[in-house]
Amino acid sequence: MHKILGCGFLEYVYQEALSYEFKLRKIPFIPQKELDIWYKDLLIPKKYSSDFFVEDCVIVEIKAASGLTNNDQAQLINYLKATKNKVGLLLNFGTESLEIKRRIL
């Protein structure tokens, strides 16, 4: 996908393209899955959403930036904590080569 599109588009373009690829490959996924965040017994009213929830176990977060930051990685780790999922992928399409970070909680 990165080889076809290259870098320079907004995240939305890569999200749409990745959705298309998941559908072509019949990979089950939920786009923009809302995540409940709990603090003790309080459900925080603000909802966060991951870019993709794949095969009921992997959170995929997409970026289109000049490079991944510690904040990007912290965002993915927080999504993993909130959902109690173990595996997350951070994909950055904003660089000349696709940047991939896998995080295991």
C-alpha atoms as a PDB file:
ATOM      1  CA  MET A   1       0.000   0.000   0.000  1.00  0.00           C
ATOM      2  CA  HIS A   2       2.785   2.457   0.916  1.00  0.00           C
ATOM      3  CA  LYS A   3       4.570   1.493  -2.314  1.00  0.00           C
ATOM      4  CA  ILE A   4       1.504   2.551  -4.300  1.00  0.00           C
ATOM      5  CA  LEU A   5       0.509   5.713  -2.417  1.00  0.00           C
ATOM      6  CA  GLY A   6       3.876   6.829  -1.098  1.00  0.00           C
ATOM      7  CA  CYS A   7       4.042   9.437   1.649  1.00  0.00           C
ATOM      8  CA  GLY A   8       2.395  12.838   1.835  1.00  0.00           C
ATOM      9  CA  PHE A   9      -1.319  12.094   2.137  1.00  0.00           C
ATOM     10  CA  LEU A  10      -3.432  12.720   5.228  1.00  0.00           C
ATOM     11  CA  GLU A  11      -4.145   9.826   7.595  1.00  0.00           C
ATOM     12  CA  TYR A  12      -7.656   9.504   6.193  1.00  0.00           C
ATOM     13  CA  VAL A  13      -6.341   8.353   2.803  1.00  0.00           C
ATOM     14  CA  TYR A  14      -4.253   5.594   4.371  1.00  0.00           C
ATOM     15  CA  GLN A  15      -7.169   4.538   6.607  1.00  0.00           C
ATOM     16  CA  GLU A  16      -9.418   4.152   3.571  1.00  0.00           C
ATOM     17  CA  ALA A  17      -6.752   2.263   1.637  1.00  0.00           C
ATOM     18  CA  LEU A  18      -6.037  -0.062   4.569  1.00  0.00           C
ATOM     19  CA  SER A  19      -9.773  -0.706   5.024  1.00  0.00           C
ATOM     20  CA  TYR A  20      -9.922  -1.683   1.369  1.00  0.00           C
ATOM     21  CA  GLU A  21      -6.960  -4.063   1.783  1.00  0.00           C
ATOM     22  CA  PHE A  22      -8.545  -5.698   4.853  1.00  0.00           C
ATOM     23  CA  LYS A  23     -11.761  -6.244   2.875  1.00  0.00           C
ATOM     24  CA  LEU A  24      -9.893  -7.687  -0.123  1.00  0.00           C
ATOM     25  CA  ARG A  25      -8.114 -10.168   2.140  1.00  0.00           C
ATOM     26  CA  LYS A  26     -11.276 -10.931   4.154  1.00  0.00           C
ATOM     27  CA  ILE A  27      -9.561  -9.877   7.379  1.00  0.00           C
ATOM     28  CA  PRO A  28     -12.172  -9.023  10.028  1.00  0.00           C
ATOM     29  CA  PHE A  29     -11.778  -5.491  11.356  1.00  0.00           C
ATOM     30  CA  ILE A  30     -13.682  -2.671  13.002  1.00  0.00           C
ATOM     31  CA  PRO A  31     -12.746   0.850  11.881  1.00  0.00           C
ATOM     32  CA  GLN A  32     -12.781   3.691  14.416  1.00  0.00           C
ATOM     33  CA  LYS A  33     -13.703   1.416  17.325  1.00  0.00           C
ATOM     34  CA  GLU A  34     -14.721   3.441  20.371  1.00  0.00           C
ATOM     35  CA  LEU A  35     -12.820   2.603  23.541  1.00  0.00           C
ATOM     36  CA  ASP A  36     -14.205   2.887  27.050  1.00  0.00           C
ATOM     37  CA  ILE A  37     -11.751   4.384  29.520  1.00  0.00           C
ATOM     38  CA  TRP A  38     -12.265   3.595  33.201  1.00  0.00           C
ATOM     39  CA  TYR A  39     -10.831   5.266  36.260  1.00  0.00           C
ATOM     40  CA  LYS A  40     -11.653   3.055  39.241  1.00  0.00           C
ATOM     41  CA  ASP A  41     -15.456   2.734  38.960  1.00  0.00           C
ATOM     42  CA  LEU A  42     -15.899   5.891  36.831  1.00  0.00           C
ATOM     43  CA  LEU A  43     -16.481   5.538  33.108  1.00  0.00           C
ATOM     44  CA  ILE A  44     -14.824   8.587  31.534  1.00  0.00           C
ATOM     45  CA  PRO A  45     -17.475  10.252  29.320  1.00  0.00           C
ATOM     46  CA  LYS A  46     -15.050  11.186  26.531  1.00  0.00           C
ATOM     47  CA  LYS A  47     -14.611   8.343  24.050  1.00  0.00           C
ATOM     48  CA  TYR A  48     -11.390   7.581  22.266  1.00  0.00           C
ATOM     49  CA  SER A  49     -11.221   5.518  19.125  1.00  0.00           C
ATOM     50  CA  SER A  50      -8.502   3.429  17.595  1.00  0.00           C
ATOM     51  CA  ASP A  51      -8.090   3.539  13.828  1.00  0.00           C
ATOM     52  CA  PHE A  52      -8.690  -0.218  13.515  1.00  0.00           C
ATOM     53  CA  PHE A  53      -9.466  -3.180  15.723  1.00  0.00           C
ATOM     54  CA  VAL A  54      -8.364  -6.235  13.738  1.00  0.00           C
ATOM     55  CA  GLU A  55      -9.479  -9.838  14.263  1.00  0.00           C
ATOM     56  CA  ASP A  56     -10.825  -8.967  17.728  1.00  0.00           C
ATOM     57  CA  CYS A  57      -7.333  -8.737  19.178  1.00  0.00           C
ATOM     58  CA  VAL A  58      -4.974  -6.247  17.471  1.00  0.00           C
ATOM     59  CA  ILE A  59      -5.226  -2.479  17.724  1.00  0.00           C
ATOM     60  CA  VAL A  60      -3.832  -0.670  14.684  1.00  0.00           C
ATOM     61  CA  GLU A  61      -3.095   3.032  14.872  1.00  0.00           C
ATOM     62  CA  ILE A  62      -2.143   4.964  11.726  1.00  0.00           C
ATOM     63  CA  LYS A  63      -0.008   8.075  11.471  1.00  0.00           C
ATOM     64  CA  ALA A  64       1.072  10.237   8.534  1.00  0.00           C
ATOM     65  CA  ALA A  65       3.875  12.232  10.137  1.00  0.00           C
ATOM     66  CA  SER A  66       7.549  12.924   9.540  1.00  0.00           C
ATOM     67  CA  GLY A  67       8.349  10.386  12.257  1.00  0.00           C
ATOM     68  CA  LEU A  68       6.831   8.527  15.182  1.00  0.00           C
ATOM     69  CA  THR A  69       7.044  10.189  18.577  1.00  0.00           C
ATOM     70  CA  ASN A  70       6.953   8.947  22.153  1.00  0.00           C
ATOM     71  CA  ASN A  71       3.415  10.399  22.338  1.00  0.00           C
ATOM     72  CA  ASP A  72       2.330   8.214  19.408  1.00  0.00           C
ATOM     73  CA  GLN A  73       3.688   5.142  21.158  1.00  0.00           C
ATOM     74  CA  ALA A  74       2.108   6.177  24.475  1.00  0.00           C
ATOM     75  CA  GLN A  75      -1.251   6.565  22.705  1.00  0.00           C
ATOM     76  CA  LEU A  76      -1.059   2.981  21.437  1.00  0.00           C
ATOM     77  CA  ILE A  77      -0.009   1.640  24.831  1.00  0.00           C
ATOM     78  CA  ASN A  78      -2.910   3.490  26.503  1.00  0.00           C
ATOM     79  CA  TYR A  79      -5.330   1.961  23.981  1.00  0.00           C
ATOM     80  CA  LEU A  80      -3.946  -1.477  24.827  1.00  0.00           C
ATOM     81  CA  LYS A  81      -4.351  -0.848  28.551  1.00  0.00           C
ATOM     82  CA  ALA A  82      -7.883   0.470  28.114  1.00  0.00           C
ATOM     83  CA  THR A  83      -9.026  -2.517  26.061  1.00  0.00           C
ATOM     84  CA  LYS A  84      -6.938  -5.118  27.884  1.00  0.00           C
ATOM     85  CA  ASN A  85      -5.615  -6.265  24.513  1.00  0.00           C
ATOM     86  CA  LYS A  86      -2.044  -7.408  24.264  1.00  0.00           C
ATOM     87  CA  VAL A  87      -0.894  -6.476  20.729  1.00  0.00           C
ATOM     88  CA  GLY A  88      -0.840  -3.169  18.893  1.00  0.00           C
ATOM     89  CA  LEU A  89       0.660  -1.887  15.665  1.00  0.00           C
ATOM     90  CA  LEU A  90       1.654   1.678  14.970  1.00  0.00           C
ATOM     91  CA  LEU A  91       1.985   2.390  11.241  1.00  0.00           C
ATOM     92  CA  ASN A  92       3.471   5.640   9.975  1.00  0.00           C
ATOM     93  CA  PHE A  93       2.898   6.323   6.290  1.00  0.00           C
ATOM     94  CA  GLY A  94       4.400   9.812   6.440  1.00  0.00           C
ATOM     95  CA  THR A  95       8.001   8.745   5.884  1.00  0.00           C
ATOM     96  CA  GLU A  96       9.719   7.614   2.699  1.00  0.00           C
ATOM     97  CA  SER A  97       9.659   4.024   3.971  1.00  0.00           C
ATOM     98  CA  LEU A  98       6.744   2.647   5.987  1.00  0.00           C
ATOM     99  CA  GLU A  99       7.543   2.884   9.693  1.00  0.00           C
ATOM    100  CA  ILE A 100       6.144   0.053  11.832  1.00  0.00           C
ATOM    101  CA  LYS A 101       6.219  -0.326  15.610  1.00  0.00           C
ATOM    102  CA  ARG A 102       4.747  -3.373  17.311  1.00  0.00           C
ATOM    103  CA  ARG A 103       3.885  -3.091  20.977  1.00  0.00           C
ATOM    104  CA  ILE A 104       2.987  -5.913  23.316  1.00  0.00           C
ATOM    105  CA  LEU A 105       1.444  -5.099  26.657  1.00  0.00           C
END
